[in-house]
Protein backbone atom coordinates (compact mmCIF):
# COMPACT_ATOMS: atom_id res chain seq x y z
CA MET A 1 42.53 23.19 34.21
CA VAL A 2 39.20 24.68 33.07
CA LEU A 3 37.40 23.06 36.00
CA PHE A 4 40.02 24.40 38.42
CA LEU A 5 39.68 27.93 37.05
CA SER A 6 35.88 27.66 37.29
CA ALA A 7 36.24 26.73 40.96
CA ILE A 8 38.50 29.74 41.49
CA ALA A 9 35.93 31.99 39.77
CA TYR A 10 33.18 30.59 42.03
CA THR A 11 35.29 31.34 45.10
CA ILE A 12 35.96 34.88 43.92
CA LEU A 13 32.24 35.37 43.28
CA THR A 14 31.27 34.21 46.77
CA LYS A 15 33.93 36.39 48.40
CA THR A 16 32.78 39.39 46.35
CA LEU A 17 29.13 38.84 47.28
CA ILE A 18 30.01 38.59 50.96
CA ALA A 19 32.16 41.73 50.77
CA HIS A 20 29.39 43.64 49.01
CA HIS A 21 26.57 42.60 51.33
CA GLY A 22 28.54 42.46 54.58
CA LYS A 23 29.70 39.67 56.85
CA ASP A 24 26.43 39.63 58.79
CA SER A 25 24.19 39.49 55.71
CA VAL A 26 21.86 36.66 54.81
CA ILE A 27 24.08 35.54 51.93
CA ALA A 28 27.17 35.47 54.15
CA LYS A 29 25.35 33.26 56.64
CA ALA A 30 24.09 31.03 53.83
CA ILE A 31 27.50 30.57 52.24
CA GLY A 32 29.22 30.03 55.56
CA ARG A 33 32.72 28.59 55.35
CA ASP A 34 32.14 27.25 51.79
CA PHE A 35 33.66 23.86 52.54
CA LYS A 36 32.53 22.39 49.21
CA GLY A 37 34.19 25.22 47.28
CA TYR A 38 37.55 24.86 48.97
CA LEU A 39 37.39 21.07 48.80
CA SER A 40 36.73 21.31 45.07
CA ILE A 41 39.78 23.50 44.55
CA ALA A 42 41.97 21.11 46.55
CA LEU A 43 40.71 18.08 44.61
CA TYR A 44 41.20 19.84 41.27
CA VAL A 45 44.79 20.80 42.14
CA SER A 46 45.45 17.23 43.26
CA GLY A 47 43.91 15.91 40.06
CA ILE A 48 46.03 18.20 37.90
CA LEU A 49 49.23 17.17 39.67
CA LEU A 50 48.36 13.46 39.62
CA SER A 51 47.40 13.55 35.94
CA PHE A 52 51.07 13.41 34.99
CA MET A 53 51.76 10.30 37.07
CA ILE A 54 48.48 8.42 37.59
CA PRO A 55 45.87 9.63 35.10
CA TRP A 56 43.11 7.26 36.21
CA LEU A 57 43.33 8.58 39.78
CA SER A 58 42.98 12.16 38.57
CA TYR A 59 39.82 11.14 36.67
CA GLY A 60 38.53 9.69 39.93
CA LEU A 61 39.14 12.96 41.75
CA TYR A 62 37.27 14.92 39.08
CA PHE A 63 34.41 12.44 39.41
CA VAL A 64 34.35 12.95 43.20
CA VAL A 65 34.00 16.71 42.73
CA ALA A 66 31.12 16.17 40.30
CA VAL A 67 29.36 13.89 42.80
CA ILE A 68 29.87 16.42 45.60
CA TRP A 69 28.14 19.12 43.56
CA ILE A 70 25.34 16.87 42.27
CA ILE A 71 24.06 16.71 45.83
CA PRO A 72 21.99 19.91 46.11
CA ASP A 73 23.48 22.65 48.22
CA GLN A 74 20.63 23.78 50.45
CA ARG A 75 22.43 26.39 52.52
CA ILE A 76 20.65 29.33 50.93
CA GLU A 77 17.22 27.67 51.06
CA LYS A 78 17.65 26.89 54.76
CA ILE A 79 18.55 30.49 55.63
CA LEU A 80 15.83 32.05 53.46
CA SER A 81 13.10 29.78 54.82
CA ASN A 82 13.77 30.99 58.38
């Protein structure tokens, strides 16, 4: 549940930054659609629901989210280098 709430907080932060700087700002372009953020939330919800029936599968979903975020997110670096 803590991981899920952290993902929600990250999503709120990105939405707030985009709202503050504008939809055409550099940060809005860098964040884009935030596929990894929304995928993380979906996997966390699935993991929470599956934890009552198949605990080992929920552990696997949490591991997948960790692996997704271990891969560096270079969206901001790509935009700022241009």
